N, C-alpha and C. Protein backbone atom coordinates (compact mmCIF):
# COMPACT_ATOMS: atom_id res chain seq x y z
N MET A 1 1.04 -1.53 -0.18
CA MET A 1 0.10 -0.03 0.32
C MET A 1 1.03 1.66 -0.19
N ARG A 2 2.10 0.83 0.41
CA ARG A 2 3.11 1.81 0.92
C ARG A 2 4.08 2.45 -1.16
N THR A 3 3.82 1.70 -1.96
CA THR A 3 4.49 2.27 -2.63
C THR A 3 3.25 2.53 -3.71
N ALA A 4 2.11 1.79 -3.40
CA ALA A 4 0.61 2.79 -4.14
C ALA A 4 0.52 4.63 -4.02
N GLY A 5 0.30 4.34 -2.41
CA GLY A 5 1.56 6.38 -2.15
C GLY A 5 2.37 6.91 -2.77
N ILE A 6 3.64 6.56 -2.84
CA ILE A 6 4.53 6.36 -3.17
C ILE A 6 4.20 7.54 -4.45
N VAL A 7 3.52 6.20 -5.52
CA VAL A 7 3.35 5.75 -7.19
C VAL A 7 2.35 7.69 -7.35
N MET A 8 0.99 7.08 -6.58
CA MET A 8 0.49 8.48 -6.17
C MET A 8 1.05 9.69 -6.60
N LEU A 9 1.53 10.17 -5.41
CA LEU A 9 2.20 11.44 -4.78
C LEU A 9 3.37 11.71 -6.03
N VAL A 10 4.37 10.34 -6.72
CA VAL A 10 5.11 11.15 -8.03
C VAL A 10 3.77 12.01 -8.57
N MET A 11 3.08 11.15 -9.26
CA MET A 11 1.79 12.02 -10.44
C MET A 11 1.74 12.86 -10.75
N GLY A 12 1.95 13.65 -8.41
CA GLY A 12 1.43 14.34 -8.25
C GLY A 12 2.00 15.20 -8.73
N LEU A 13 3.17 15.47 -7.77
CA LEU A 13 4.43 16.11 -8.81
C LEU A 13 4.30 16.39 -9.92
N ILE A 14 4.64 15.48 -10.96
CA ILE A 14 4.70 15.09 -12.14
C ILE A 14 3.60 16.62 -13.12
N ALA A 15 2.33 16.46 -12.82
CA ALA A 15 1.15 17.61 -13.06
C ALA A 15 1.78 18.67 -12.04
N LEU A 16 1.98 19.20 -11.29
CA LEU A 16 2.82 19.88 -10.45
C LEU A 16 3.95 20.36 -11.03
N VAL A 17 4.66 19.63 -11.32
CA VAL A 17 5.43 20.53 -12.63
C VAL A 17 4.80 21.19 -14.21
N PHE A 18 4.09 20.05 -14.24
CA PHE A 18 3.89 20.58 -16.05
C PHE A 18 3.12 22.21 -15.32
N THR A 19 2.03 22.23 -14.10
CA THR A 19 1.89 23.11 -14.33
C THR A 19 2.92 23.83 -14.18
N VAL A 20 3.60 23.96 -13.46
CA VAL A 20 4.96 25.41 -13.21
C VAL A 20 5.50 25.45 -13.76
N ILE A 21 5.50 24.14 -14.76
CA ILE A 21 5.95 24.92 -16.12
C ILE A 21 5.65 25.80 -16.91
N GLY A 22 3.60 25.40 -16.94
CA GLY A 22 2.85 26.15 -17.69
C GLY A 22 3.26 27.97 -17.07
N ALA A 23 3.11 28.07 -15.68
CA ALA A 23 2.64 29.56 -15.86
C ALA A 23 4.27 29.86 -15.63
N LEU A 24 5.08 29.37 -15.69
CA LEU A 24 6.54 30.34 -15.85
C LEU A 24 7.28 30.54 -17.33
N SER A 25 6.22 30.09 -18.46
CA SER A 25 6.97 30.02 -19.66
C SER A 25 5.30 31.32 -20.37
N ILE A 26 5.32 31.56 -19.59
CA ILE A 26 3.40 32.00 -20.09
C ILE A 26 4.09 33.57 -20.88
N ASN A 27 3.88 33.90 -22.26
CA ASN A 27 3.79 35.38 -23.18
C ASN A 27 3.21 36.23 -21.84
N THR A 28 3.95 37.07 -22.16
CA THR A 28 3.49 39.10 -21.73
C THR A 28 1.90 38.99 -22.97
N THR A 29 1.60 38.15 -23.63
CA THR A 29 0.91 38.86 -24.93
C THR A 29 -0.90 38.48 -24.41
N GLY A 30 -0.54 38.47 -23.08
CA GLY A 30 -2.16 38.00 -22.88
C GLY A 30 -3.43 36.54 -23.58
N ASP A 31 -2.11 35.69 -23.33
CA ASP A 31 -3.02 34.61 -23.46
C ASP A 31 -3.08 34.12 -22.33
N ASN A 32 -3.51 32.34 -22.68
CA ASN A 32 -4.37 31.99 -21.35
C ASN A 32 -2.69 31.49 -21.24
N VAL A 33 -2.34 31.11 -19.85
CA VAL A 33 -1.86 30.26 -19.60
C VAL A 33 -1.68 29.12 -19.78
N PRO A 34 -0.86 27.94 -20.61
CA PRO A 34 -0.38 26.62 -20.52
C PRO A 34 -0.87 25.93 -19.52
N PHE A 35 -1.31 25.13 -20.07
CA PHE A 35 -1.75 24.14 -18.82
C PHE A 35 -2.20 24.64 -17.18
N LEU A 36 -3.19 26.38 -16.45
CA LEU A 36 -4.21 26.23 -16.48
C LEU A 36 -5.11 26.77 -16.88
N SER A 37 -5.05 27.05 -18.21
CA SER A 37 -6.05 26.85 -19.06
C SER A 37 -7.01 25.60 -19.48
N ASN A 38 -6.02 24.72 -19.07
CA ASN A 38 -7.02 23.44 -18.81
C ASN A 38 -6.41 22.62 -17.38
N SER A 39 -8.23 22.60 -16.85
CA SER A 39 -8.15 22.33 -15.18
C SER A 39 -7.44 21.59 -14.00
N TRP A 40 -7.27 20.58 -15.77
CA TRP A 40 -7.60 19.16 -15.30
C TRP A 40 -5.73 19.05 -15.04
N PHE A 41 -4.72 20.13 -15.35
CA PHE A 41 -3.72 19.36 -14.73
C PHE A 41 -3.89 19.98 -13.36
N ILE A 42 -4.72 21.13 -12.72
CA ILE A 42 -4.76 21.28 -11.50
C ILE A 42 -5.42 20.23 -10.91
N ILE A 43 -6.11 19.65 -10.84
CA ILE A 43 -7.13 18.69 -10.76
C ILE A 43 -6.30 17.77 -10.59
N MET A 44 -5.42 17.12 -11.60
CA MET A 44 -4.35 15.83 -10.88
C MET A 44 -3.51 16.27 -9.95
N THR A 45 -2.82 17.39 -10.35
CA THR A 45 -2.18 17.79 -8.93
C THR A 45 -3.45 17.29 -7.57
N ILE A 46 -3.99 18.29 -6.99
CA ILE A 46 -4.24 17.54 -6.06
C ILE A 46 -4.66 16.75 -5.76
N PHE A 47 -6.04 16.17 -7.02
CA PHE A 47 -6.03 14.26 -6.34
C PHE A 47 -4.51 13.64 -6.44
N TRP A 48 -3.78 13.60 -6.98
CA TRP A 48 -3.15 12.01 -6.78
C TRP A 48 -1.99 13.09 -5.99
N GLY A 49 -1.94 14.25 -5.62
CA GLY A 49 -1.01 14.52 -4.90
C GLY A 49 -1.55 14.60 -3.35
N GLY A 50 -2.39 15.10 -2.93
CA GLY A 50 -3.28 14.79 -1.53
C GLY A 50 -3.55 13.21 -1.71
N ALA A 51 -3.91 11.73 -2.59
CA ALA A 51 -4.68 11.24 -2.18
C ALA A 51 -2.85 10.06 -1.75
N GLY A 52 -1.62 10.16 -2.41
CA GLY A 52 -0.53 10.03 -2.57
C GLY A 52 0.08 9.87 -1.28
N LEU A 53 -0.66 11.11 -0.91
CA LEU A 53 0.26 11.63 0.90
C LEU A 53 -0.84 11.10 1.75
N SER A 54 -2.22 11.31 1.70
CA SER A 54 -2.97 10.10 2.95
C SER A 54 -2.21 8.96 2.90
N VAL A 55 -2.30 8.66 1.78
CA VAL A 55 -1.85 7.40 1.66
C VAL A 55 -0.93 7.01 2.74
N LEU A 56 0.24 7.62 1.91
CA LEU A 56 2.06 7.17 2.54
C LEU A 56 1.84 8.15 4.49
N LEU A 57 0.78 8.59 4.79
CA LEU A 57 0.44 9.03 6.26
C LEU A 57 0.19 7.98 7.02
N THR A 58 -1.09 7.24 6.31
CA THR A 58 -2.02 6.46 6.61
C THR A 58 -1.43 5.22 7.19
N PHE A 59 -0.76 4.62 6.40
CA PHE A 59 1.18 3.44 6.60
C PHE A 59 1.29 4.20 6.43
N PRO A 60 1.89 3.81 7.66
CA PRO A 60 3.99 4.31 7.93
C PRO A 60 4.40 3.84 7.53
N LYS A 61 5.82 3.64 7.13
CA LYS A 61 6.49 2.31 7.59
C LYS A 61 6.58 1.48 8.14
N GLU A 62 6.67 0.27 7.67
CA GLU A 62 6.29 -0.90 8.93
C GLU A 62 7.25 -1.41 10.22
N GLU A 63 7.77 -0.86 11.22
CA GLU A 63 8.40 -1.46 11.20
C GLU A 63 9.28 -3.11 11.57
N PRO A 64 9.88 -3.63 12.54
CA PRO A 64 10.06 -4.44 11.65
C PRO A 64 10.07 -5.29 13.53
N LYS A 65 9.40 -6.85 12.59
CA LYS A 65 8.54 -6.96 13.99
C LYS A 65 9.29 -7.84 14.73
N ARG A 66 9.47 -7.89 16.35
CA ARG A 66 10.24 -8.46 17.44
C ARG A 66 9.99 -10.03 17.05
N ARG A 67 10.82 -10.21 18.53
CA ARG A 67 10.28 -11.54 18.47
C ARG A 67 10.65 -11.93 19.64
């Protein structure tokens, strides 16, 4: 389950990177911000990043079993 949380968090971070790159590469001509005009990237950032972080917090690293 922890691996799934890591994968989801990485997917959220990738979507966040695309959103930031789109916001930084905006032209000053008044065009729409790439990746921000399409709200799916922001939704993917929130969903995947939040879900991955919550799974990682819910299922922490397993402690070694005592004998």
